[in-house]
Amino acid sequence: MEEVCCMKKSELREVTCPRCGGIVRPRYRFCSNCGAKLKPGDALQIETGKRQSTRATNPPWKTTQSLSILLLSITLPMIISILPFTLSIRMREILTEVLIATPPLLYVVSKGLGTESLGLDSRSAMTEFAVALIVLPLALPLGLISGWLVQTIYPMSPWWQAYFTTSVPTSFEDFIVLLLIRSLAVAPCEEILFRGFVQNGLESGIGGTQGWILSSVLFGMIHFNPWQGVPAFLVGLLLGYLFRRRDHKLWCPIALHAFYDCGLTILSYAFHF
């Protein structure tokens, strides 16, 4: 983007999309008509001296596409149950998360967009990880206390208790595997879907605040139970807020999600043994 940064204010003008010929307004990185990603040579509209954002001013997907891709991402993991072979619990978790992230990634690829459209900018990763560590002391109590309140008001049935034991490490080796899965698979895949794609699209379609809240509600609902759903909604609000405040960069939500899940895993291992 060095070529863009050297542009003078007098050069900041509307340009023509190289793919469809549509007019692209100032500071747009994507054509709102066809979704084409603009290159530095296309005279991106970025004002000198202003902080740059990795997010399109108007992402080329809206509410309908966001909800459709979300529905597909929920449905795809169900194919695991009909596979003709048996998978271990941990392999099932990995495959589920990969399938969750596949539809939004395929969508942006099919539109000729890069991962920047989802907020994945490698240049910002380390700074975003540091911010996530600072916010972690707020996220962990938020999830733990809300989960405890739900359990107090509506006690968990024996069936659900048995179900949740599958997420508890059974040995030190399993503990390490779970940490890797939740940091390298669960966090990035779920954030790509819910913040990078769904929240991005909903904010563009129905408004910033509404899109942020609705994507957090959907994030809670996807857990299909109140004991995880309520904490997921509240933590999702925090993740979504950070996503917005950090110029729609995805690394901070990914890092915080990973730190949060790993923190819960460490606590479950410590108290289980």
C-alpha atoms as a PDB file:
ATOM      1  CA  MET A   1       0.000   0.000   0.000  1.00  0.00           C
ATOM      2  CA  GLU A   2       3.060   2.303  -0.202  1.00  0.00           C
ATOM      3  CA  GLU A   3       1.840   3.735  -3.486  1.00  0.00           C
ATOM      4  CA  VAL A   4      -1.442   4.734  -1.874  1.00  0.00           C
ATOM      5  CA  CYS A   5       0.204   6.369   1.141  1.00  0.00           C
ATOM      6  CA  CYS A   6       2.169   8.690  -1.136  1.00  0.00           C
ATOM      7  CA  MET A   7      -0.999  10.117  -2.759  1.00  0.00           C
ATOM      8  CA  LYS A   8      -1.660  13.838  -2.347  1.00  0.00           C
ATOM      9  CA  LYS A   9      -4.996  15.167  -1.164  1.00  0.00           C
ATOM     10  CA  SER A  10      -5.550  16.705  -4.591  1.00  0.00           C
ATOM     11  CA  GLU A  11      -5.438  13.192  -6.022  1.00  0.00           C
ATOM     12  CA  LEU A  12      -8.193  11.921  -3.716  1.00  0.00           C
ATOM     13  CA  ARG A  13     -11.074  11.596  -6.147  1.00  0.00           C
ATOM     14  CA  GLU A  14     -13.709   9.105  -7.177  1.00  0.00           C
ATOM     15  CA  VAL A  15     -12.343   6.383  -9.422  1.00  0.00           C
ATOM     16  CA  THR A  16     -13.798   3.855 -11.815  1.00  0.00           C
ATOM     17  CA  CYS A  17     -13.898   0.175 -10.870  1.00  0.00           C
ATOM     18  CA  PRO A  18     -11.600  -1.757 -13.240  1.00  0.00           C
ATOM     19  CA  ARG A  19     -13.996  -4.727 -13.295  1.00  0.00           C
ATOM     20  CA  CYS A  20     -17.509  -3.307 -13.772  1.00  0.00           C
ATOM     21  CA  GLY A  21     -16.850   0.354 -14.525  1.00  0.00           C
ATOM     22  CA  GLY A  22     -18.842   1.545 -11.527  1.00  0.00           C
ATOM     23  CA  ILE A  23     -17.947   4.684  -9.584  1.00  0.00           C
ATOM     24  CA  VAL A  24     -16.072   4.022  -6.334  1.00  0.00           C
ATOM     25  CA  ARG A  25     -16.419   6.715  -3.680  1.00  0.00           C
ATOM     26  CA  PRO A  26     -13.545   8.064  -1.516  1.00  0.00           C
ATOM     27  CA  ARG A  27     -11.894   5.646   0.951  1.00  0.00           C
ATOM     28  CA  TYR A  28     -13.545   2.541  -0.564  1.00  0.00           C
ATOM     29  CA  ARG A  29     -11.287  -0.508  -0.900  1.00  0.00           C
ATOM     30  CA  PHE A  30     -13.943  -2.612  -2.619  1.00  0.00           C
ATOM     31  CA  CYS A  31     -16.443  -1.864  -5.365  1.00  0.00           C
ATOM     32  CA  SER A  32     -19.918  -1.937  -3.786  1.00  0.00           C
ATOM     33  CA  ASN A  33     -21.426  -3.046  -7.112  1.00  0.00           C
ATOM     34  CA  CYS A  34     -19.373  -6.115  -8.034  1.00  0.00           C
ATOM     35  CA  GLY A  35     -17.171  -6.636  -4.946  1.00  0.00           C
ATOM     36  CA  ALA A  36     -13.890  -6.193  -6.825  1.00  0.00           C
ATOM     37  CA  LYS A  37     -10.916  -5.562  -4.543  1.00  0.00           C
ATOM     38  CA  LEU A  38      -9.118  -2.408  -5.618  1.00  0.00           C
ATOM     39  CA  LYS A  39      -5.339  -2.265  -5.890  1.00  0.00           C
ATOM     40  CA  PRO A  40      -2.994   0.624  -5.032  1.00  0.00           C
ATOM     41  CA  GLY A  41      -2.734   1.446  -8.710  1.00  0.00           C
ATOM     42  CA  ASP A  42      -6.481   2.005  -8.861  1.00  0.00           C
ATOM     43  CA  ALA A  43      -6.040   5.151  -6.730  1.00  0.00           C
ATOM     44  CA  LEU A  44      -7.592   4.043  -3.478  1.00  0.00           C
ATOM     45  CA  GLN A  45      -9.178   6.897  -1.615  1.00  0.00           C
ATOM     46  CA  ILE A  46      -7.169   7.149   1.627  1.00  0.00           C
ATOM     47  CA  GLU A  47      -6.572  10.572   3.120  1.00  0.00           C
ATOM     48  CA  THR A  48      -2.977  11.423   3.971  1.00  0.00           C
ATOM     49  CA  GLY A  49      -2.294  11.360   7.701  1.00  0.00           C
ATOM     50  CA  LYS A  50      -5.463   9.445   8.580  1.00  0.00           C
ATOM     51  CA  ARG A  51      -5.386   5.999  10.181  1.00  0.00           C
ATOM     52  CA  GLN A  52      -6.066   3.278   7.635  1.00  0.00           C
ATOM     53  CA  SER A  53      -8.595   0.499   8.048  1.00  0.00           C
ATOM     54  CA  THR A  54      -8.361  -3.014   6.632  1.00  0.00           C
ATOM     55  CA  ARG A  55     -12.159  -3.128   6.281  1.00  0.00           C
ATOM     56  CA  ALA A  56     -14.074  -2.118   3.204  1.00  0.00           C
ATOM     57  CA  THR A  57     -16.129   0.998   3.846  1.00  0.00           C
ATOM     58  CA  ASN A  58     -19.005  -0.931   2.355  1.00  0.00           C
ATOM     59  CA  PRO A  59     -18.374  -4.723   2.359  1.00  0.00           C
ATOM     60  CA  PRO A  60     -19.716  -6.419  -0.791  1.00  0.00           C
ATOM     61  CA  TRP A  61     -22.056  -8.656   1.228  1.00  0.00           C
ATOM     62  CA  LYS A  62     -25.053  -7.647   3.298  1.00  0.00           C
ATOM     63  CA  THR A  63     -27.630  -9.158   5.658  1.00  0.00           C
ATOM     64  CA  THR A  64     -29.011 -11.808   3.300  1.00  0.00           C
ATOM     65  CA  GLN A  65     -25.588 -13.161   2.378  1.00  0.00           C
ATOM     66  CA  SER A  66     -24.453 -13.078   6.022  1.00  0.00           C
ATOM     67  CA  LEU A  67     -27.420 -15.105   7.264  1.00  0.00           C
ATOM     68  CA  SER A  68     -27.278 -17.517   4.313  1.00  0.00           C
ATOM     69  CA  ILE A  69     -23.586 -18.259   4.848  1.00  0.00           C
ATOM     70  CA  LEU A  70     -24.207 -18.624   8.599  1.00  0.00           C
ATOM     71  CA  LEU A  71     -26.962 -21.172   7.951  1.00  0.00           C
ATOM     72  CA  LEU A  72     -24.689 -23.109   5.598  1.00  0.00           C
ATOM     73  CA  SER A  73     -21.856 -23.027   8.141  1.00  0.00           C
ATOM     74  CA  ILE A  74     -24.189 -24.453  10.799  1.00  0.00           C
ATOM     75  CA  THR A  75     -25.477 -27.168   8.488  1.00  0.00           C
ATOM     76  CA  LEU A  76     -22.154 -28.397   7.093  1.00  0.00           C
ATOM     77  CA  PRO A  77     -20.826 -29.879  10.382  1.00  0.00           C
ATOM     78  CA  MET A  78     -23.900 -32.115  10.493  1.00  0.00           C
ATOM     79  CA  ILE A  79     -22.371 -34.211   7.740  1.00  0.00           C
ATOM     80  CA  ILE A  80     -19.915 -35.522  10.321  1.00  0.00           C
ATOM     81  CA  SER A  81     -22.711 -37.613  11.840  1.00  0.00           C
ATOM     82  CA  ILE A  82     -23.336 -39.425   8.551  1.00  0.00           C
ATOM     83  CA  LEU A  83     -19.722 -40.182   7.673  1.00  0.00           C
ATOM     84  CA  PRO A  84     -19.132 -43.895   6.991  1.00  0.00           C
ATOM     85  CA  PHE A  85     -16.241 -44.014   9.456  1.00  0.00           C
ATOM     86  CA  THR A  86     -15.775 -43.148  13.119  1.00  0.00           C
ATOM     87  CA  LEU A  87     -13.825 -40.110  14.231  1.00  0.00           C
ATOM     88  CA  SER A  88     -12.329 -39.437  17.630  1.00  0.00           C
ATOM     89  CA  ILE A  89     -13.902 -36.659  19.702  1.00  0.00           C
ATOM     90  CA  ARG A  90     -10.948 -34.342  19.119  1.00  0.00           C
ATOM     91  CA  MET A  91     -10.810 -34.961  15.367  1.00  0.00           C
ATOM     92  CA  ARG A  92     -14.547 -34.315  15.241  1.00  0.00           C
ATOM     93  CA  GLU A  93     -13.985 -30.941  16.942  1.00  0.00           C
ATOM     94  CA  ILE A  94     -11.299 -29.963  14.439  1.00  0.00           C
ATOM     95  CA  LEU A  95     -13.378 -30.980  11.425  1.00  0.00           C
ATOM     96  CA  THR A  96     -16.419 -29.150  12.779  1.00  0.00           C
ATOM     97  CA  GLU A  97     -14.496 -25.898  13.121  1.00  0.00           C
ATOM     98  CA  VAL A  98     -12.947 -26.199   9.649  1.00  0.00           C
ATOM     99  CA  LEU A  99     -16.386 -26.732   8.130  1.00  0.00           C
ATOM    100  CA  ILE A 100     -17.721 -23.693  10.019  1.00  0.00           C
ATOM    101  CA  ALA A 101     -15.129 -21.406   8.427  1.00  0.00           C
ATOM    102  CA  THR A 102     -15.284 -22.928   4.940  1.00  0.00           C
ATOM    103  CA  PRO A 103     -18.412 -21.144   3.575  1.00  0.00           C
ATOM    104  CA  PRO A 104     -17.302 -17.558   4.372  1.00  0.00           C
ATOM    105  CA  LEU A 105     -13.811 -18.243   3.021  1.00  0.00           C
ATOM    106  CA  LEU A 106     -15.213 -19.752  -0.182  1.00  0.00           C
ATOM    107  CA  TYR A 107     -17.559 -16.795  -0.543  1.00  0.00           C
ATOM    108  CA  VAL A 108     -14.820 -14.157  -0.451  1.00  0.00           C
ATOM    109  CA  VAL A 109     -12.636 -16.238  -2.789  1.00  0.00           C
ATOM    110  CA  SER A 110     -15.521 -16.623  -5.252  1.00  0.00           C
ATOM    111  CA  LYS A 111     -15.944 -12.843  -5.269  1.00  0.00           C
ATOM    112  CA  GLY A 112     -12.275 -12.291  -6.003  1.00  0.00           C
ATOM    113  CA  LEU A 113     -11.648 -10.786  -2.560  1.00  0.00           C
ATOM    114  CA  GLY A 114      -8.680 -11.304  -0.267  1.00  0.00           C
ATOM    115  CA  THR A 115      -8.634 -12.240   3.399  1.00  0.00           C
ATOM    116  CA  GLU A 116      -8.319  -8.516   4.149  1.00  0.00           C
ATOM    117  CA  SER A 117     -12.054  -8.284   3.512  1.00  0.00           C
ATOM    118  CA  LEU A 118     -12.523 -10.411   6.643  1.00  0.00           C
ATOM    119  CA  GLY A 119     -10.092  -8.300   8.661  1.00  0.00           C
ATOM    120  CA  LEU A 120      -7.116 -10.659   8.428  1.00  0.00           C
ATOM    121  CA  ASP A 121      -4.157  -8.313   8.086  1.00  0.00           C
ATOM    122  CA  SER A 122      -0.919 -10.005   9.186  1.00  0.00           C
ATOM    123  CA  ARG A 123       0.861  -6.672   9.710  1.00  0.00           C
ATOM    124  CA  SER A 124      -1.355  -5.916  12.708  1.00  0.00           C
ATOM    125  CA  ALA A 125      -1.320  -9.325  14.394  1.00  0.00           C
ATOM    126  CA  MET A 126       1.182  -8.784  17.228  1.00  0.00           C
ATOM    127  CA  THR A 127      -0.340  -5.494  18.375  1.00  0.00           C
ATOM    128  CA  GLU A 128      -3.795  -7.031  18.384  1.00  0.00           C
ATOM    129  CA  PHE A 129      -2.595  -9.982  20.504  1.00  0.00           C
ATOM    130  CA  ALA A 130      -1.290  -7.551  23.104  1.00  0.00           C
ATOM    131  CA  VAL A 131      -4.648  -5.754  23.263  1.00  0.00           C
ATOM    132  CA  ALA A 132      -6.409  -9.105  23.692  1.00  0.00           C
ATOM    133  CA  LEU A 133      -4.218  -9.949  26.703  1.00  0.00           C
ATOM    134  CA  ILE A 134      -5.161  -6.647  28.307  1.00  0.00           C
ATOM    135  CA  VAL A 135      -8.891  -7.344  27.852  1.00  0.00           C
ATOM    136  CA  LEU A 136      -8.714 -10.996  28.992  1.00  0.00           C
ATOM    137  CA  PRO A 137      -9.171 -10.169  32.735  1.00  0.00           C
ATOM    138  CA  LEU A 138     -12.562  -8.722  31.812  1.00  0.00           C
ATOM    139  CA  ALA A 139     -13.645 -11.525  29.469  1.00  0.00           C
ATOM    140  CA  LEU A 140     -12.960 -14.479  31.783  1.00  0.00           C
ATOM    141  CA  PRO A 141     -14.998 -13.240  34.789  1.00  0.00           C
ATOM    142  CA  LEU A 142     -17.767 -12.146  32.431  1.00  0.00           C
ATOM    143  CA  GLY A 143     -18.107 -15.661  31.027  1.00  0.00           C
ATOM    144  CA  LEU A 144     -17.634 -17.491  34.319  1.00  0.00           C
ATOM    145  CA  ILE A 145     -20.048 -15.393  36.369  1.00  0.00           C
ATOM    146  CA  SER A 146     -22.778 -15.384  33.719  1.00  0.00           C
ATOM    147  CA  GLY A 147     -22.440 -19.150  33.295  1.00  0.00           C
ATOM    148  CA  TRP A 148     -22.690 -19.663  37.058  1.00  0.00           C
ATOM    149  CA  LEU A 149     -25.826 -17.467  37.229  1.00  0.00           C
ATOM    150  CA  VAL A 150     -27.541 -19.445  34.452  1.00  0.00           C
ATOM    151  CA  GLN A 151     -26.646 -22.725  36.169  1.00  0.00           C
ATOM    152  CA  THR A 152     -28.045 -21.384  39.462  1.00  0.00           C
ATOM    153  CA  ILE A 153     -31.316 -20.235  37.902  1.00  0.00           C
ATOM    154  CA  TYR A 154     -31.722 -23.190  35.553  1.00  0.00           C
ATOM    155  CA  PRO A 155     -29.716 -26.228  36.724  1.00  0.00           C
ATOM    156  CA  MET A 156     -28.160 -28.434  34.096  1.00  0.00           C
ATOM    157  CA  SER A 157     -29.771 -31.803  33.429  1.00  0.00           C
ATOM    158  CA  PRO A 158     -27.736 -35.033  33.845  1.00  0.00           C
ATOM    159  CA  TRP A 159     -27.696 -35.491  30.058  1.00  0.00           C
ATOM    160  CA  TRP A 160     -26.071 -32.088  29.527  1.00  0.00           C
ATOM    161  CA  GLN A 161     -23.629 -32.710  32.359  1.00  0.00           C
ATOM    162  CA  ALA A 162     -22.520 -35.909  30.638  1.00  0.00           C
ATOM    163  CA  TYR A 163     -22.241 -34.054  27.329  1.00  0.00           C
ATOM    164  CA  PHE A 164     -20.017 -31.336  28.776  1.00  0.00           C
ATOM    165  CA  THR A 165     -17.612 -33.887  30.272  1.00  0.00           C
ATOM    166  CA  THR A 166     -16.363 -34.523  26.717  1.00  0.00           C
ATOM    167  CA  SER A 167     -14.829 -31.040  26.750  1.00  0.00           C
ATOM    168  CA  VAL A 168     -12.889 -31.714  29.953  1.00  0.00           C
ATOM    169  CA  PRO A 169      -9.275 -32.923  29.457  1.00  0.00           C
ATOM    170  CA  THR A 170      -8.873 -36.576  30.434  1.00  0.00           C
ATOM    171  CA  SER A 171      -5.079 -36.473  30.728  1.00  0.00           C
ATOM    172  CA  PHE A 172      -2.162 -34.079  30.401  1.00  0.00           C
ATOM    173  CA  GLU A 173      -1.714 -35.073  26.758  1.00  0.00           C
ATOM    174  CA  ASP A 174      -5.406 -34.431  26.094  1.00  0.00           C
ATOM    175  CA  PHE A 175      -5.067 -31.096  27.893  1.00  0.00           C
ATOM    176  CA  ILE A 176      -2.312 -29.993  25.489  1.00  0.00           C
ATOM    177  CA  VAL A 177      -4.330 -31.187  22.489  1.00  0.00           C
ATOM    178  CA  LEU A 178      -7.363 -29.217  23.639  1.00  0.00           C
ATOM    179  CA  LEU A 179      -5.299 -26.064  24.085  1.00  0.00           C
ATOM    180  CA  LEU A 180      -4.015 -26.417  20.526  1.00  0.00           C
ATOM    181  CA  ILE A 181      -7.463 -27.111  19.095  1.00  0.00           C
ATOM    182  CA  ARG A 182      -9.095 -24.158  20.841  1.00  0.00           C
ATOM    183  CA  SER A 183      -6.354 -21.711  19.961  1.00  0.00           C
ATOM    184  CA  LEU A 184      -5.560 -22.838  16.401  1.00  0.00           C
ATOM    185  CA  ALA A 185      -8.948 -24.119  15.200  1.00  0.00           C
ATOM    186  CA  VAL A 186     -11.887 -22.986  17.328  1.00  0.00           C
ATOM    187  CA  ALA A 187     -10.925 -19.327  17.796  1.00  0.00           C
ATOM    188  CA  PRO A 188      -9.877 -18.445  14.223  1.00  0.00           C
ATOM    189  CA  CYS A 189     -12.633 -20.417  12.508  1.00  0.00           C
ATOM    190  CA  GLU A 190     -15.469 -19.061  14.644  1.00  0.00           C
ATOM    191  CA  GLU A 191     -14.166 -15.498  14.453  1.00  0.00           C
ATOM    192  CA  ILE A 192     -13.830 -15.684  10.666  1.00  0.00           C
ATOM    193  CA  LEU A 193     -17.510 -16.617  10.497  1.00  0.00           C
ATOM    194  CA  PHE A 194     -19.103 -14.494  13.233  1.00  0.00           C
ATOM    195  CA  ARG A 195     -17.022 -11.332  13.306  1.00  0.00           C
ATOM    196  CA  GLY A 196     -15.173 -11.299   9.989  1.00  0.00           C
ATOM    197  CA  PHE A 197     -18.163 -12.264   7.861  1.00  0.00           C
ATOM    198  CA  VAL A 198     -21.481 -12.147   9.741  1.00  0.00           C
ATOM    199  CA  GLN A 199     -20.906  -9.004  11.808  1.00  0.00           C
ATOM    200  CA  ASN A 200     -19.254  -7.260   8.872  1.00  0.00           C
ATOM    201  CA  GLY A 201     -22.216  -8.001   6.627  1.00  0.00           C
ATOM    202  CA  LEU A 202     -24.883  -7.219   9.221  1.00  0.00           C
ATOM    203  CA  GLU A 203     -23.258  -3.898  10.094  1.00  0.00           C
ATOM    204  CA  SER A 204     -23.277  -2.996   6.418  1.00  0.00           C
ATOM    205  CA  GLY A 205     -26.847  -4.200   5.940  1.00  0.00           C
ATOM    206  CA  ILE A 206     -28.761  -3.068   9.043  1.00  0.00           C
ATOM    207  CA  GLY A 207     -26.374  -0.653  10.768  1.00  0.00           C
ATOM    208  CA  GLY A 208     -23.312  -0.776  13.000  1.00  0.00           C
ATOM    209  CA  THR A 209     -24.864  -1.188  16.447  1.00  0.00           C
ATOM    210  CA  GLN A 210     -27.679  -3.457  15.267  1.00  0.00           C
ATOM    211  CA  GLY A 211     -25.281  -5.658  13.318  1.00  0.00           C
ATOM    212  CA  TRP A 212     -22.919  -5.923  16.276  1.00  0.00           C
ATOM    213  CA  ILE A 213     -25.698  -6.940  18.699  1.00  0.00           C
ATOM    214  CA  LEU A 214     -27.445  -9.339  16.300  1.00  0.00           C
ATOM    215  CA  SER A 215     -24.193 -11.124  15.431  1.00  0.00           C
ATOM    216  CA  SER A 216     -23.545 -11.564  19.174  1.00  0.00           C
ATOM    217  CA  VAL A 217     -27.056 -12.977  19.685  1.00  0.00           C
ATOM    218  CA  LEU A 218     -26.465 -15.437  16.853  1.00  0.00           C
ATOM    219  CA  PHE A 219     -23.104 -16.378  18.336  1.00  0.00           C
ATOM    220  CA  GLY A 220     -24.829 -17.258  21.596  1.00  0.00           C
ATOM    221  CA  MET A 221     -27.671 -19.155  19.895  1.00  0.00           C
ATOM    222  CA  ILE A 222     -25.254 -21.310  17.889  1.00  0.00           C
ATOM    223  CA  HIS A 223     -24.231 -23.060  21.116  1.00  0.00           C
ATOM    224  CA  PHE A 224     -27.789 -24.488  21.390  1.00  0.00           C
ATOM    225  CA  ASN A 225     -27.918 -24.383  25.200  1.00  0.00           C
ATOM    226  CA  PRO A 226     -28.274 -21.574  27.775  1.00  0.00           C
ATOM    227  CA  TRP A 227     -25.270 -22.570  29.923  1.00  0.00           C
ATOM    228  CA  GLN A 228     -22.905 -21.819  27.044  1.00  0.00           C
ATOM    229  CA  GLY A 229     -25.213 -19.548  25.065  1.00  0.00           C
ATOM    230  CA  VAL A 230     -25.573 -16.723  27.596  1.00  0.00           C
ATOM    231  CA  PRO A 231     -21.813 -16.435  28.306  1.00  0.00           C
ATOM    232  CA  ALA A 232     -21.124 -16.731  24.566  1.00  0.00           C
ATOM    233  CA  PHE A 233     -23.535 -13.868  23.867  1.00  0.00           C
ATOM    234  CA  LEU A 234     -21.909 -11.612  26.468  1.00  0.00           C
ATOM    235  CA  VAL A 235     -18.363 -12.480  25.431  1.00  0.00           C
ATOM    236  CA  GLY A 236     -19.502 -12.147  21.816  1.00  0.00           C
ATOM    237  CA  LEU A 237     -20.555  -8.576  22.544  1.00  0.00           C
ATOM    238  CA  LEU A 238     -17.052  -7.903  23.839  1.00  0.00           C
ATOM    239  CA  LEU A 239     -15.438  -9.593  20.833  1.00  0.00           C
ATOM    240  CA  GLY A 240     -17.659  -7.658  18.450  1.00  0.00           C
ATOM    241  CA  TYR A 241     -16.948  -4.378  20.217  1.00  0.00           C
ATOM    242  CA  LEU A 242     -13.201  -4.980  19.916  1.00  0.00           C
ATOM    243  CA  PHE A 243     -13.659  -5.874  16.259  1.00  0.00           C
ATOM    244  CA  ARG A 244     -15.292  -2.499  15.668  1.00  0.00           C
ATOM    245  CA  ARG A 245     -12.884  -0.502  17.811  1.00  0.00           C
ATOM    246  CA  ARG A 246      -9.825  -2.101  16.208  1.00  0.00           C
ATOM    247  CA  ASP A 247     -10.787  -0.912  12.710  1.00  0.00           C
ATOM    248  CA  HIS A 248     -12.473  -4.242  11.950  1.00  0.00           C
ATOM    249  CA  LYS A 249      -9.192  -6.129  12.243  1.00  0.00           C
ATOM    250  CA  LEU A 250      -9.895  -9.744  13.153  1.00  0.00           C
ATOM    251  CA  TRP A 251      -6.697 -10.647  15.016  1.00  0.00           C
ATOM    252  CA  CYS A 252      -7.744  -9.085  18.316  1.00  0.00           C
ATOM    253  CA  PRO A 253     -11.052 -11.049  18.515  1.00  0.00           C
ATOM    254  CA  ILE A 254      -9.241 -14.222  17.428  1.00  0.00           C
ATOM    255  CA  ALA A 255      -6.585 -13.775  20.116  1.00  0.00           C
ATOM    256  CA  LEU A 256      -9.084 -12.929  22.856  1.00  0.00           C
ATOM    257  CA  HIS A 257     -11.295 -15.862  21.848  1.00  0.00           C
ATOM    258  CA  ALA A 258      -8.277 -18.180  21.996  1.00  0.00           C
ATOM    259  CA  PHE A 259      -7.080 -16.825  25.353  1.00  0.00           C
ATOM    260  CA  TYR A 260     -10.601 -17.092  26.791  1.00  0.00           C
ATOM    261  CA  ASP A 261     -11.153 -20.695  25.648  1.00  0.00           C
ATOM    262  CA  CYS A 262      -7.681 -21.721  26.801  1.00  0.00           C
ATOM    263  CA  GLY A 263      -8.323 -20.078  30.174  1.00  0.00           C
ATOM    264  CA  LEU A 264     -11.502 -22.105  30.602  1.00  0.00           C
ATOM    265  CA  THR A 265      -9.634 -25.248  29.554  1.00  0.00           C
ATOM    266  CA  ILE A 266      -6.896 -24.605  32.111  1.00  0.00           C
ATOM    267  CA  LEU A 267      -9.484 -24.063  34.855  1.00  0.00           C
ATOM    268  CA  SER A 268     -11.402 -27.227  33.936  1.00  0.00           C
ATOM    269  CA  TYR A 269      -8.189 -29.266  33.944  1.00  0.00           C
ATOM    270  CA  ALA A 270      -7.040 -27.796  37.263  1.00  0.00           C
ATOM    271  CA  PHE A 271     -10.329 -28.441  39.061  1.00  0.00           C
ATOM    272  CA  HIS A 272     -10.964 -31.824  37.399  1.00  0.00           C
ATOM    273  CA  PHE A 273      -7.659 -33.187  38.597  1.00  0.00           C
END
